[in-house]
Amino acid sequence: MEVDVLKRVPVREQAPEVRAKNFEEVCYGYNKEEAMAEATRCLKCKNPKCVTGCPVNIDIPGFIREVENGNMGEAYKVISKYSALPAVCGRVCPQESQCESKCIRGIKGEAVSIGKLERFVADWAIENDVKPAMPTEKKGKKVAVIGSGPAGLTCAGDLAKMGYDVHIFEALHEAGGVLVYGIPEFRLPKQKVVKHEIENVKALGVTIETNVVIGKSTTIDELMEEEGFDAVFVGSGAGLPKFMGIPGENANGVFSANEYLTRSNLMKAFDESYDTPIAAGKKVAVVGGGNVAMDAARTALRLGAEVYIVYRRSEKELPARVEEVHHAKQEGIIFKLLTNPKQILVDEKGWVKGMECVEMELGEPDASGRRRPVEKKGSEFVLDVDTVIMSLGTSPNPLISSTTKGLDINSHKCIVADETFGQTSKEGVFAGGDAVTGAATVILAMGAGKAAAKGIDEYLSKKN
């Protein structure tokens, strides 16, 4: 097919009016011909800046070169040296602000579609049942990994490849962490993608035990002192939701985005054949402007609601990915920007009957560098909604830190860990991902898990 080197090969998607009523994947991805055509746009730079923009430093020109030549198996081998979850990353990583933002092709045209190419290669490997290479040696040492989200899976996979006996402990009944409970099916298919990636990690010899709540079922101290684990990695994420503290937040019909998405994903609220307890709402306000807010809003839309995004800054300051905002608008979600909730109105039975809001305007920049929103006097109004979803970020659950001797946390309840390898204040205990940084991206959590695996290997090698 003919290729304009300055423009990306377009990606096919479901029509907005169709996808707004189903939970099937929005983006279809490339076929082989399209992927090979897009790969020809790579300039094969001698000093590839795209690699430095990737938190796990994938050899991007290397795998793209193999795609261009039609060697999909070799392309997958290149990617899998660096990433345990390529089919996930190809779908949910913010490539536009990472690898693709560094692409030299993007200076005079559109950057190479690195994420879509990674997704194609990973999907090809799934369809052709390609398995990762098994470790060639055994170290004879045990490592416990707490949490089976992107940080935990990456750390476990890398350690298993090094020859360690790795055991993941997951609090929920299904492995995958935020990949299964937090990201909707229409962005990240659970059966086709997430479960397959988890099976690949298990194929390396990793054991995953679900329904184990570290801090209740057992503790880190007990794992190390009684169960013989030589090191521990904490990748437990940040699942404790934040609220605004405004009147009416305890009303029926007020959710955290975490709860709303978890009920939809793990309890299959989107499937009419399941009896799942979720008040989906007919008119829903989602408070927040990040990727999780977009996920919650687009889920509520698919459950039959009219949906508003309520965000106190302008569109320019929206922290969500541009692609997610674009898709949300296409699907009919209404954006109430420069708007802030004042209180949630409650009827006599304790249910939401509206949300009082105030219009905002942007003032001087705050500590984050973004212009601080201030209220416009006399601009209050009531938004007619029956459900409110708060998507204001999350912090780590303090259960692990409060039950582990000698594990330091900061003022945000995050575990304090070395930035290079994730070593904590407790010997032999490493941590990474949202448990250390607070809520962030999948790929940053993976990068932290990868770094911690190196740190654990170095630590255990020196211990003997």
Protein backbone atom coordinates (compact mmCIF):
# COMPACT_ATOMS: atom_id res chain seq x y z
CA MET A 1 0.00 0.00 0.00
CA GLU A 2 1.12 3.58 -0.65
CA VAL A 3 2.47 5.46 2.35
CA ASP A 4 2.74 9.21 2.95
CA VAL A 5 5.86 9.33 5.12
CA LEU A 6 4.62 12.44 6.90
CA LYS A 7 1.30 10.91 7.95
CA ARG A 8 0.43 7.83 9.98
CA VAL A 9 -1.35 4.89 8.46
CA PRO A 10 -4.87 5.40 9.87
CA VAL A 11 -6.26 2.95 12.43
CA ARG A 12 -9.76 1.54 12.03
CA GLU A 13 -12.24 2.07 14.89
CA GLN A 14 -15.85 1.27 15.72
CA ALA A 15 -18.21 4.08 14.74
CA PRO A 16 -18.99 6.30 17.79
CA GLU A 17 -22.76 5.78 17.60
CA VAL A 18 -22.24 1.99 17.59
CA ARG A 19 -19.53 1.66 20.24
CA ALA A 20 -21.34 3.96 22.69
CA LYS A 21 -23.82 1.11 23.17
CA ASN A 22 -21.43 -1.83 23.57
CA PHE A 23 -18.34 -2.84 25.53
CA GLU A 24 -16.39 -4.20 22.57
CA GLU A 25 -12.94 -2.76 21.88
CA VAL A 26 -13.07 0.69 20.30
CA CYS A 27 -9.90 0.42 18.23
CA TYR A 28 -9.42 -2.48 15.81
CA GLY A 29 -5.67 -1.99 15.44
CA TYR A 30 -3.54 -2.62 12.37
CA ASN A 31 -3.61 -5.65 10.11
CA LYS A 32 -0.31 -7.03 8.80
CA GLU A 33 -0.25 -4.92 5.64
CA GLU A 34 -1.01 -1.73 7.57
CA ALA A 35 1.59 -2.50 10.25
CA MET A 36 4.32 -3.17 7.69
CA ALA A 37 3.41 0.05 5.87
CA GLU A 38 3.53 2.11 9.07
CA ALA A 39 6.88 0.53 9.98
CA THR A 40 8.43 1.90 6.77
CA ARG A 41 7.98 5.43 8.19
CA CYS A 42 10.63 4.79 10.89
CA LEU A 43 13.83 6.73 10.16
CA LYS A 44 16.03 4.12 11.88
CA CYS A 45 17.87 6.79 13.84
CA LYS A 46 21.42 6.06 14.99
CA ASN A 47 20.57 7.67 18.30
CA PRO A 48 16.91 6.64 18.80
CA LYS A 49 15.38 9.08 21.26
CA CYS A 50 12.15 7.05 21.31
CA VAL A 51 13.96 4.42 23.42
CA THR A 52 14.87 6.98 26.07
CA GLY A 53 11.22 8.07 26.15
CA CYS A 54 10.10 4.52 27.02
CA PRO A 55 10.06 3.77 30.79
CA VAL A 56 11.14 0.17 30.11
CA ASN A 57 13.59 1.12 27.30
CA ILE A 58 12.25 -1.21 24.60
CA ASP A 59 14.48 -1.45 21.51
CA ILE A 60 11.84 0.32 19.43
CA PRO A 61 13.77 0.65 16.14
CA GLY A 62 14.77 -3.00 16.50
CA PHE A 63 11.24 -4.37 16.68
CA ILE A 64 9.92 -1.93 14.05
CA ARG A 65 12.65 -3.08 11.65
CA GLU A 66 11.44 -6.68 12.05
CA VAL A 67 7.83 -5.60 11.45
CA GLU A 68 8.83 -3.81 8.25
CA ASN A 69 10.49 -7.02 7.05
CA GLY A 70 7.44 -9.12 7.99
CA ASN A 71 9.28 -10.98 10.78
CA MET A 72 6.60 -10.74 13.46
CA GLY A 73 8.02 -13.54 15.60
CA GLU A 74 11.38 -11.78 15.76
CA ALA A 75 9.67 -8.48 16.51
CA TYR A 76 7.91 -10.12 19.47
CA LYS A 77 11.22 -11.54 20.73
CA VAL A 78 12.70 -8.04 20.74
CA ILE A 79 9.77 -6.53 22.65
CA SER A 80 9.47 -9.38 25.15
CA LYS A 81 13.08 -8.90 26.25
CA TYR A 82 11.95 -5.64 27.82
CA SER A 83 8.20 -5.89 28.46
CA ALA A 84 6.06 -8.58 30.09
CA LEU A 85 2.81 -6.89 28.98
CA PRO A 86 3.17 -5.66 25.38
CA ALA A 87 -0.49 -6.19 24.40
CA VAL A 88 -1.49 -4.10 27.41
CA CYS A 89 1.05 -1.34 26.80
CA GLY A 90 0.16 -1.11 23.13
CA ARG A 91 -3.36 -0.20 24.19
CA VAL A 92 -3.16 1.92 27.34
CA CYS A 93 0.27 3.56 27.51
CA PRO A 94 0.38 7.33 26.88
CA GLN A 95 2.81 6.95 23.98
CA GLU A 96 2.06 10.47 22.79
CA SER A 97 3.85 11.86 25.86
CA GLN A 98 6.57 9.19 26.00
CA CYS A 99 8.21 7.32 23.11
CA GLU A 100 6.22 8.98 20.32
CA SER A 101 6.90 12.46 21.70
CA LYS A 102 10.63 11.83 21.08
CA CYS A 103 10.18 10.44 17.56
CA ILE A 104 12.28 12.42 15.06
CA ARG A 105 9.73 11.71 12.30
CA GLY A 106 7.30 13.75 14.37
CA ILE A 107 9.30 16.97 13.95
CA LYS A 108 8.15 17.56 10.36
CA GLY A 109 5.18 15.20 10.26
CA GLU A 110 3.32 12.75 12.47
CA ALA A 111 5.32 10.52 14.80
CA VAL A 112 5.54 6.82 13.98
CA SER A 113 2.59 5.01 15.59
CA ILE A 114 4.80 3.05 17.98
CA GLY A 115 2.00 2.03 20.32
CA LYS A 116 -0.20 0.62 17.56
CA LEU A 117 2.77 -1.32 16.14
CA GLU A 118 3.54 -2.78 19.57
CA ARG A 119 -0.09 -3.78 19.92
CA PHE A 120 -0.07 -5.46 16.49
CA VAL A 121 3.04 -7.51 17.31
CA ALA A 122 1.68 -8.54 20.72
CA ASP A 123 -1.69 -9.51 19.24
CA TRP A 124 0.09 -11.51 16.54
CA ALA A 125 1.92 -13.42 19.28
CA ILE A 126 -1.38 -14.11 21.07
CA GLU A 127 -3.05 -15.34 17.90
CA ASN A 128 -0.08 -17.58 17.10
CA ASP A 129 0.27 -18.81 20.71
CA VAL A 130 3.87 -17.65 21.04
CA LYS A 131 5.23 -18.27 24.56
CA PRO A 132 8.10 -16.46 26.29
CA ALA A 133 11.41 -18.30 26.67
CA MET A 134 11.75 -20.28 29.91
CA PRO A 135 14.57 -19.46 32.37
CA THR A 136 17.70 -21.55 31.86
CA GLU A 137 18.93 -21.53 35.47
CA LYS A 138 17.49 -21.69 38.98
CA LYS A 139 18.85 -19.48 41.74
CA GLY A 140 17.31 -21.49 44.58
CA LYS A 141 15.88 -18.36 46.25
CA LYS A 142 12.30 -17.31 46.89
CA VAL A 143 10.84 -13.86 46.25
CA ALA A 144 7.35 -12.75 47.26
CA VAL A 145 5.55 -10.19 45.11
CA ILE A 146 2.58 -8.37 46.63
CA GLY A 147 0.02 -7.37 44.03
CA SER A 148 -0.56 -8.72 40.52
CA GLY A 149 -0.94 -5.40 38.74
CA PRO A 150 1.52 -4.09 36.13
CA ALA A 151 4.34 -3.45 38.66
CA GLY A 152 3.99 -6.87 40.29
CA LEU A 153 3.63 -8.82 37.05
CA THR A 154 6.66 -7.10 35.51
CA CYS A 155 8.85 -7.61 38.58
CA ALA A 156 7.74 -11.25 38.87
CA GLY A 157 8.32 -11.97 35.19
CA ASP A 158 11.80 -10.47 35.18
CA LEU A 159 12.80 -12.30 38.38
CA ALA A 160 11.48 -15.59 37.00
CA LYS A 161 13.58 -15.10 33.84
CA MET A 162 16.61 -14.66 36.13
CA GLY A 163 15.88 -18.02 37.77
CA TYR A 164 14.16 -17.02 41.03
CA ASP A 165 11.21 -18.88 42.55
CA VAL A 166 8.53 -16.16 42.50
CA HIS A 167 5.20 -16.20 44.32
CA ILE A 168 2.62 -13.42 43.74
CA PHE A 169 0.02 -12.68 46.43
CA GLU A 170 -3.14 -10.93 45.17
CA ALA A 171 -5.84 -9.55 47.48
CA LEU A 172 -8.72 -9.88 45.01
CA HIS A 173 -10.22 -13.05 43.58
CA GLU A 174 -8.79 -12.41 40.12
CA ALA A 175 -5.21 -11.57 39.13
CA GLY A 176 -4.32 -8.47 37.13
CA GLY A 177 -4.81 -5.57 39.52
CA VAL A 178 -5.88 -2.34 37.84
CA LEU A 179 -5.67 -4.09 34.46
CA VAL A 180 -8.76 -6.16 35.34
CA TYR A 181 -10.69 -3.99 37.79
CA GLY A 182 -9.81 -0.46 36.69
CA ILE A 183 -9.64 -0.27 32.89
CA PRO A 184 -12.86 -0.94 30.96
CA GLU A 185 -13.31 -3.81 28.54
CA PHE A 186 -13.69 -1.46 25.56
CA ARG A 187 -10.14 -0.18 26.14
CA LEU A 188 -8.50 -3.37 27.37
CA PRO A 189 -10.14 -6.76 26.67
CA LYS A 190 -9.75 -8.99 29.72
CA GLN A 191 -10.00 -12.49 28.21
CA LYS A 192 -8.11 -11.88 24.97
CA VAL A 193 -5.37 -9.62 26.34
CA VAL A 194 -4.98 -9.41 30.13
CA LYS A 195 -5.52 -13.07 30.97
CA HIS A 196 -3.20 -14.13 28.15
CA GLU A 197 -0.42 -11.83 29.38
CA ILE A 198 -0.87 -13.20 32.92
CA GLU A 199 -0.69 -16.77 31.60
CA ASN A 200 2.62 -15.88 29.92
CA VAL A 201 4.00 -14.74 33.29
CA LYS A 202 2.78 -17.96 34.91
CA ALA A 203 4.40 -19.93 32.08
CA LEU A 204 7.75 -18.62 33.34
CA GLY A 205 7.13 -20.53 36.56
CA VAL A 206 5.50 -17.75 38.61
CA THR A 207 2.87 -18.88 41.12
CA ILE A 208 -0.11 -16.57 41.69
CA GLU A 209 -2.23 -16.96 44.82
CA THR A 210 -5.43 -14.88 44.96
CA ASN A 211 -7.61 -13.88 47.95
CA VAL A 212 -4.55 -13.16 50.10
CA VAL A 213 -4.67 -9.76 51.82
CA ILE A 214 -1.18 -8.90 53.02
CA GLY A 215 -1.62 -7.26 56.40
CA LYS A 216 -4.56 -9.52 57.29
CA SER A 217 -4.09 -12.99 55.81
CA THR A 218 -0.39 -12.75 56.57
CA THR A 219 2.24 -10.02 56.86
CA ILE A 220 5.50 -9.15 55.15
CA ASP A 221 7.35 -9.97 58.39
CA GLU A 222 5.77 -13.43 58.46
CA LEU A 223 6.60 -14.04 54.79
CA MET A 224 10.27 -13.35 55.48
CA GLU A 225 10.64 -14.77 58.98
CA GLU A 226 8.35 -17.81 58.84
CA GLU A 227 7.77 -18.71 55.19
CA GLY A 228 11.35 -18.41 53.96
CA PHE A 229 11.10 -15.65 51.38
CA ASP A 230 14.48 -14.04 50.76
CA ALA A 231 13.08 -10.76 49.43
CA VAL A 232 9.71 -9.05 48.93
CA PHE A 233 8.46 -6.63 46.29
CA VAL A 234 5.46 -4.47 47.19
CA GLY A 235 3.45 -3.53 44.10
CA SER A 236 0.08 -3.16 45.80
CA GLY A 237 -1.01 -0.07 43.89
CA ALA A 238 -3.04 2.87 45.14
CA GLY A 239 -6.62 1.80 45.62
CA LEU A 240 -7.80 4.17 48.36
CA PRO A 241 -10.08 6.78 46.73
CA LYS A 242 -10.08 10.49 47.51
CA PHE A 243 -13.19 12.60 48.01
CA MET A 244 -13.84 16.35 48.04
CA GLY A 245 -15.32 16.59 51.53
CA ILE A 246 -18.41 18.46 50.31
CA PRO A 247 -21.94 18.06 51.76
CA GLY A 248 -23.90 15.10 50.39
CA GLU A 249 -20.96 12.85 49.52
CA ASN A 250 -22.36 10.04 51.67
CA ALA A 251 -25.64 9.91 49.74
CA ASN A 252 -26.87 6.84 47.90
CA GLY A 253 -25.76 7.16 44.28
CA VAL A 254 -22.32 8.59 45.05
CA PHE A 255 -19.43 6.35 44.00
CA SER A 256 -15.69 6.54 43.80
CA ALA A 257 -14.53 5.83 40.26
CA ASN A 258 -12.65 2.82 41.65
CA GLU A 259 -15.82 1.26 43.02
CA TYR A 260 -17.84 2.02 39.91
CA LEU A 261 -15.26 0.51 37.55
CA THR A 262 -14.56 -2.47 39.81
CA ARG A 263 -18.24 -3.39 39.99
CA SER A 264 -18.54 -3.05 36.24
CA ASN A 265 -15.39 -5.03 35.44
CA LEU A 266 -15.07 -7.77 38.06
CA MET A 267 -18.81 -8.22 38.70
CA LYS A 268 -19.73 -7.82 35.02
CA ALA A 269 -22.33 -5.10 35.55
CA PHE A 270 -22.19 -4.46 31.79
CA ASP A 271 -23.53 -7.98 31.10
CA GLU A 272 -27.33 -8.19 31.46
CA SER A 273 -27.08 -11.90 32.25
CA TYR A 274 -25.28 -11.06 35.53
CA ASP A 275 -27.13 -9.82 38.62
CA THR A 276 -24.62 -7.19 39.72
CA PRO A 277 -25.46 -4.57 42.38
CA ILE A 278 -24.69 -1.25 40.72
CA ALA A 279 -26.89 1.85 40.55
CA ALA A 280 -25.82 2.77 37.04
CA GLY A 281 -27.79 6.03 37.02
CA LYS A 282 -29.75 7.79 34.27
CA LYS A 283 -27.97 11.15 34.56
CA VAL A 284 -24.39 10.81 35.79
CA ALA A 285 -21.80 13.42 36.72
CA VAL A 286 -18.16 12.31 36.80
CA VAL A 287 -16.02 14.73 38.80
CA GLY A 288 -12.43 14.81 37.53
CA GLY A 289 -10.51 15.01 34.26
CA GLY A 290 -8.01 12.14 34.21
CA ASN A 291 -7.99 8.83 32.35
CA VAL A 292 -9.94 7.14 35.15
CA ALA A 293 -12.61 9.84 34.91
CA MET A 294 -12.90 9.18 31.15
CA ASP A 295 -13.13 5.43 31.81
CA ALA A 296 -15.89 5.89 34.38
CA ALA A 297 -17.80 8.32 32.18
CA ARG A 298 -17.62 6.11 29.10
CA THR A 299 -18.67 3.09 31.18
CA ALA A 300 -21.70 4.97 32.57
CA LEU A 301 -22.62 5.97 29.01
CA ARG A 302 -22.57 2.34 27.91
CA LEU A 303 -24.76 1.42 30.88
CA GLY A 304 -27.39 3.75 29.47
CA ALA A 305 -26.78 7.12 31.16
CA GLU A 306 -26.54 10.69 29.98
CA VAL A 307 -23.07 11.65 31.23
CA TYR A 308 -21.30 14.86 32.24
CA ILE A 309 -17.59 15.35 32.91
CA VAL A 310 -17.27 18.06 35.58
CA TYR A 311 -13.75 19.52 35.73
CA ARG A 312 -12.63 22.73 37.40
CA ARG A 313 -10.00 23.70 34.83
CA SER A 314 -10.15 24.17 31.04
CA GLU A 315 -9.72 21.54 28.33
CA LYS A 316 -6.07 22.51 27.94
CA GLU A 317 -5.41 21.32 31.51
CA LEU A 318 -7.27 18.01 31.24
CA PRO A 319 -4.79 15.34 32.42
CA ALA A 320 -6.45 12.53 30.42
CA ARG A 321 -4.93 11.28 27.19
CA VAL A 322 -5.95 13.27 24.14
CA GLU A 323 -7.24 10.08 22.50
CA GLU A 324 -9.51 9.31 25.48
CA VAL A 325 -10.97 12.84 25.52
CA HIS A 326 -11.51 12.65 21.75
CA HIS A 327 -13.31 9.30 22.03
CA ALA A 328 -15.45 10.53 24.94
CA LYS A 329 -16.57 13.57 22.95
CA GLN A 330 -17.31 11.47 19.87
CA GLU A 331 -19.51 9.19 21.97
CA GLY A 332 -21.63 12.06 23.26
CA ILE A 333 -20.28 12.76 26.74
CA ILE A 334 -20.95 16.37 27.78
CA PHE A 335 -17.96 18.31 29.16
CA LYS A 336 -18.74 20.85 31.90
CA LEU A 337 -15.33 22.52 32.07
CA LEU A 338 -14.33 25.35 34.41
CA THR A 339 -16.97 23.95 36.74
CA ASN A 340 -16.61 22.78 40.35
CA PRO A 341 -19.09 20.98 42.65
CA LYS A 342 -20.17 22.79 45.83
CA GLN A 343 -22.51 20.19 47.29
CA ILE A 344 -24.52 17.11 46.35
CA LEU A 345 -28.26 17.54 46.84
CA VAL A 346 -30.05 14.66 48.56
CA ASP A 347 -33.75 13.71 48.61
CA GLU A 348 -35.73 12.58 51.65
CA LYS A 349 -34.82 8.92 51.00
CA GLY A 350 -31.08 9.65 50.94
CA TRP A 351 -30.54 9.50 47.18
CA VAL A 352 -28.78 12.02 44.94
CA LYS A 353 -31.23 14.52 43.39
CA GLY A 354 -28.74 16.96 41.85
CA MET A 355 -25.36 18.62 42.27
CA GLU A 356 -24.83 22.30 43.02
CA CYS A 357 -21.89 23.63 41.03
CA VAL A 358 -20.10 26.93 40.53
CA GLU A 359 -18.37 28.26 37.43
CA MET A 360 -14.61 28.81 37.64
CA GLU A 361 -12.00 30.97 35.95
CA LEU A 362 -8.26 30.44 35.81
CA GLY A 363 -6.02 32.60 37.98
CA GLU A 364 -2.29 32.52 38.65
CA PRO A 365 -0.28 29.26 38.38
CA ASP A 366 -0.16 27.08 41.52
CA ALA A 367 2.65 24.80 42.79
CA SER A 368 1.99 22.30 39.96
CA GLY A 369 2.53 25.02 37.34
CA ARG A 370 -1.10 24.94 36.23
CA ARG A 371 -3.25 28.06 36.55
CA ARG A 372 -5.25 27.90 39.75
CA PRO A 373 -9.04 27.88 39.30
CA VAL A 374 -11.02 30.45 41.29
CA GLU A 375 -14.77 30.75 41.71
CA LYS A 376 -16.84 33.25 39.72
CA LYS A 377 -19.11 34.94 42.22
CA GLY A 378 -22.83 34.49 41.65
CA SER A 379 -22.38 31.73 39.04
CA GLU A 380 -23.84 28.85 41.07
CA PHE A 381 -26.21 26.46 39.31
CA VAL A 382 -27.69 22.99 39.85
CA LEU A 383 -26.75 20.13 37.54
CA ASP A 384 -29.66 17.69 37.15
CA VAL A 385 -28.09 14.30 37.96
CA ASP A 386 -29.03 11.22 40.01
CA THR A 387 -25.54 9.71 40.29
CA VAL A 388 -22.14 11.22 41.06
CA ILE A 389 -18.81 9.48 40.46
CA MET A 390 -15.78 11.01 42.17
CA SER A 391 -12.56 10.55 40.18
CA LEU A 392 -10.09 12.68 42.12
CA GLY A 393 -7.15 10.32 42.39
CA THR A 394 -6.20 7.61 44.84
CA SER A 395 -3.61 6.91 47.51
CA PRO A 396 -2.11 3.66 48.80
CA ASN A 397 -4.06 1.64 51.36
CA PRO A 398 -2.10 1.94 54.65
CA LEU A 399 -2.74 -1.71 55.58
CA ILE A 400 0.66 -2.98 54.42
CA SER A 401 2.74 -0.17 55.89
CA SER A 402 0.88 -0.29 59.22
CA THR A 403 1.52 -4.04 59.61
CA THR A 404 5.18 -4.09 58.58
CA LYS A 405 7.92 -3.26 61.07
CA GLY A 406 10.47 -0.68 59.88
CA LEU A 407 8.72 0.29 56.62
CA ASP A 408 8.79 4.07 56.19
CA ILE A 409 5.98 6.01 54.49
CA ASN A 410 5.71 9.68 53.55
CA SER A 411 3.02 12.28 54.28
CA HIS A 412 0.93 10.95 51.38
CA LYS A 413 0.91 7.42 52.90
CA CYS A 414 3.17 6.23 50.05
CA ILE A 415 5.99 3.79 50.78
CA VAL A 416 9.38 5.49 50.71
CA ALA A 417 11.68 3.69 48.25
CA ASP A 418 14.95 4.36 46.46
CA GLU A 419 14.31 5.82 42.99
CA THR A 420 16.86 3.59 41.26
CA PHE A 421 15.98 0.08 42.45
CA GLY A 422 13.03 0.52 44.82
CA GLN A 423 14.83 -0.46 48.05
CA THR A 424 12.76 0.53 51.08
CA SER A 425 13.83 1.27 54.66
CA LYS A 426 13.35 -2.41 55.52
CA GLU A 427 16.13 -4.75 54.42
CA GLY A 428 15.09 -7.13 51.67
CA VAL A 429 11.85 -5.28 50.96
CA PHE A 430 11.49 -3.38 47.69
CA ALA A 431 8.54 -1.39 46.38
CA GLY A 432 7.40 0.33 43.20
CA GLY A 433 4.50 1.60 41.16
CA ASP A 434 1.51 3.44 42.62
CA ALA A 435 2.30 2.20 46.16
CA VAL A 436 5.37 4.49 45.98
CA THR A 437 4.37 7.27 43.58
CA GLY A 438 0.63 7.47 44.09
CA ALA A 439 -1.66 6.94 41.12
CA ALA A 440 0.30 7.00 37.83
CA THR A 441 0.40 5.11 34.50
CA VAL A 442 0.67 1.40 33.74
CA ILE A 443 4.00 1.80 31.97
CA LEU A 444 5.57 3.78 34.84
CA ALA A 445 4.51 1.02 37.22
CA MET A 446 6.07 -1.52 34.87
CA GLY A 447 9.28 0.50 34.78
CA ALA A 448 9.37 0.48 38.58
CA GLY A 449 8.78 -3.28 38.67
CA LYS A 450 11.57 -3.83 36.18
CA ALA A 451 14.00 -1.67 38.17
CA ALA A 452 13.08 -3.44 41.40
CA ALA A 453 13.76 -6.85 39.83
CA LYS A 454 17.31 -5.68 39.07
CA GLY A 455 17.63 -4.33 42.61
CA ILE A 456 16.42 -7.58 44.14
CA ASP A 457 18.79 -9.63 41.99
CA GLU A 458 21.71 -7.40 43.02
CA TYR A 459 20.68 -7.55 46.68
CA LEU A 460 20.34 -11.35 46.74
CA SER A 461 23.57 -11.86 44.78
CA LYS A 462 25.49 -9.82 47.36
CA LYS A 463 23.74 -11.51 50.28
CA ASN A 464 25.62 -14.71 49.61
